Amino acid sequence: MPDDVPVDSNAPADLSHAGAVVDKAIEYMTGQNIGSLAIASALLGGAMALLSRGMSDDAIVGILNNAIASVRTGELRKPAE
């Protein structure tokens, strides 16, 4: 983990809660007939803006490179176990 990434002792609980909130937001936007691409773009843009507030550009690039690697390996398309 990069040195400039803050370590939060509540990360697992916070991540679960944040994930549930995002799932509800997606459900709501889908119910409002907002397209998947628009929803995903808005969430990605918001996430990038949030990351840029507390991380270096290099740390953000590292996160994006991990996401790219997941796409290239097909990890995002594998069925949940």
C-alpha atoms as a PDB file:
ATOM      1  CA  MET A   1       0.000   0.000   0.000  1.00  0.00           C
ATOM      2  CA  PRO A   2       1.398   3.429  -0.862  1.00  0.00           C
ATOM      3  CA  ASP A   3       2.669   5.528   2.039  1.00  0.00           C
ATOM      4  CA  ASP A   4       0.176   8.328   1.412  1.00  0.00           C
ATOM      5  CA  VAL A   5      -2.884   6.085   1.716  1.00  0.00           C
ATOM      6  CA  PRO A   6      -4.465   6.579   5.133  1.00  0.00           C
ATOM      7  CA  VAL A   7      -5.055   3.381   7.070  1.00  0.00           C
ATOM      8  CA  ASP A   8      -8.488   3.206   8.655  1.00  0.00           C
ATOM      9  CA  SER A   9      -9.042   0.609  11.373  1.00  0.00           C
ATOM     10  CA  ASN A  10     -12.774   0.574  10.476  1.00  0.00           C
ATOM     11  CA  ALA A  11     -12.099  -0.103   6.778  1.00  0.00           C
ATOM     12  CA  PRO A  12     -13.879  -3.485   6.509  1.00  0.00           C
ATOM     13  CA  ALA A  13     -17.042  -2.238   8.236  1.00  0.00           C
ATOM     14  CA  ASP A  14     -16.899   1.072   6.383  1.00  0.00           C
ATOM     15  CA  LEU A  15     -16.384  -0.708   3.063  1.00  0.00           C
ATOM     16  CA  SER A  16     -19.381  -2.948   3.635  1.00  0.00           C
ATOM     17  CA  HIS A  17     -21.559   0.014   4.597  1.00  0.00           C
ATOM     18  CA  ALA A  18     -20.340   2.145   1.697  1.00  0.00           C
ATOM     19  CA  GLY A  19     -20.935  -0.747  -0.704  1.00  0.00           C
ATOM     20  CA  ALA A  20     -24.499  -1.139   0.524  1.00  0.00           C
ATOM     21  CA  VAL A  21     -25.144   2.594   0.086  1.00  0.00           C
ATOM     22  CA  VAL A  22     -23.713   2.529  -3.447  1.00  0.00           C
ATOM     23  CA  ASP A  23     -25.842  -0.531  -4.292  1.00  0.00           C
ATOM     24  CA  LYS A  24     -28.954   1.359  -3.150  1.00  0.00           C
ATOM     25  CA  ALA A  25     -27.938   4.438  -5.130  1.00  0.00           C
ATOM     26  CA  ILE A  26     -27.496   2.308  -8.257  1.00  0.00           C
ATOM     27  CA  GLU A  27     -30.860   0.654  -7.641  1.00  0.00           C
ATOM     28  CA  TYR A  28     -32.487   4.071  -7.271  1.00  0.00           C
ATOM     29  CA  MET A  29     -30.879   5.506 -10.407  1.00  0.00           C
ATOM     30  CA  THR A  30     -31.822   2.422 -12.412  1.00  0.00           C
ATOM     31  CA  GLY A  31     -35.389   2.872 -11.187  1.00  0.00           C
ATOM     32  CA  GLN A  32     -35.225   6.453 -12.482  1.00  0.00           C
ATOM     33  CA  ASN A  33     -34.392   5.040 -15.935  1.00  0.00           C
ATOM     34  CA  ILE A  34     -30.856   6.406 -15.880  1.00  0.00           C
ATOM     35  CA  GLY A  35     -28.680   4.365 -18.231  1.00  0.00           C
ATOM     36  CA  SER A  36     -25.982   2.043 -16.974  1.00  0.00           C
ATOM     37  CA  LEU A  37     -23.212   3.968 -18.720  1.00  0.00           C
ATOM     38  CA  ALA A  38     -24.348   7.255 -17.169  1.00  0.00           C
ATOM     39  CA  ILE A  39     -24.553   5.674 -13.715  1.00  0.00           C
ATOM     40  CA  ALA A  40     -21.138   4.054 -14.010  1.00  0.00           C
ATOM     41  CA  SER A  41     -19.563   7.233 -15.387  1.00  0.00           C
ATOM     42  CA  ALA A  42     -20.995   9.329 -12.563  1.00  0.00           C
ATOM     43  CA  LEU A  43     -19.820   6.855  -9.921  1.00  0.00           C
ATOM     44  CA  LEU A  44     -16.358   6.617 -11.457  1.00  0.00           C
ATOM     45  CA  GLY A  45     -16.071  10.391 -11.727  1.00  0.00           C
ATOM     46  CA  GLY A  46     -17.143  10.798  -8.115  1.00  0.00           C
ATOM     47  CA  ALA A  47     -14.704   8.123  -6.978  1.00  0.00           C
ATOM     48  CA  MET A  48     -11.849   9.747  -8.863  1.00  0.00           C
ATOM     49  CA  ALA A  49     -12.656  13.144  -7.362  1.00  0.00           C
ATOM     50  CA  LEU A  50     -12.750  11.621  -3.873  1.00  0.00           C
ATOM     51  CA  LEU A  51      -9.452   9.804  -4.369  1.00  0.00           C
ATOM     52  CA  SER A  52      -7.775  12.959  -5.665  1.00  0.00           C
ATOM     53  CA  ARG A  53      -8.528  14.721  -2.393  1.00  0.00           C
ATOM     54  CA  GLY A  54      -6.326  12.447  -0.324  1.00  0.00           C
ATOM     55  CA  MET A  55      -3.964  10.520  -2.588  1.00  0.00           C
ATOM     56  CA  SER A  56      -1.068  11.286  -4.853  1.00  0.00           C
ATOM     57  CA  ASP A  57      -1.463  10.984  -8.599  1.00  0.00           C
ATOM     58  CA  ASP A  58       0.876   7.972  -8.539  1.00  0.00           C
ATOM     59  CA  ALA A  59      -1.299   6.192  -5.983  1.00  0.00           C
ATOM     60  CA  ILE A  60      -4.399   6.835  -8.102  1.00  0.00           C
ATOM     61  CA  VAL A  61      -2.609   5.529 -11.199  1.00  0.00           C
ATOM     62  CA  GLY A  62      -1.748   2.387  -9.227  1.00  0.00           C
ATOM     63  CA  ILE A  63      -5.403   1.864  -8.371  1.00  0.00           C
ATOM     64  CA  LEU A  64      -6.404   2.403 -11.991  1.00  0.00           C
ATOM     65  CA  ASN A  65      -3.701  -0.002 -13.183  1.00  0.00           C
ATOM     66  CA  ASN A  66      -5.095  -2.654 -10.826  1.00  0.00           C
ATOM     67  CA  ALA A  67      -8.557  -2.041 -12.263  1.00  0.00           C
ATOM     68  CA  ILE A  68      -7.209  -2.313 -15.822  1.00  0.00           C
ATOM     69  CA  ALA A  69      -5.479  -5.584 -14.957  1.00  0.00           C
ATOM     70  CA  SER A  70      -8.765  -6.935 -13.573  1.00  0.00           C
ATOM     71  CA  VAL A  71     -10.525  -6.068 -16.823  1.00  0.00           C
ATOM     72  CA  ARG A  72      -7.791  -7.627 -18.952  1.00  0.00           C
ATOM     73  CA  THR A  73      -7.781 -10.888 -16.986  1.00  0.00           C
ATOM     74  CA  GLY A  74     -11.562 -11.165 -17.149  1.00  0.00           C
ATOM     75  CA  GLU A  75     -11.845 -10.970 -13.369  1.00  0.00           C
ATOM     76  CA  LEU A  76     -14.781  -8.571 -13.570  1.00  0.00           C
ATOM     77  CA  ARG A  77     -16.754 -10.976 -15.752  1.00  0.00           C
ATOM     78  CA  LYS A  78     -16.239 -14.088 -13.620  1.00  0.00           C
ATOM     79  CA  PRO A  79     -19.379 -15.253 -11.818  1.00  0.00           C
ATOM     80  CA  ALA A  80     -19.487 -14.539  -8.084  1.00  0.00           C
ATOM     81  CA  GLU A  81     -18.648 -17.585  -6.012  1.00  0.00           C
END
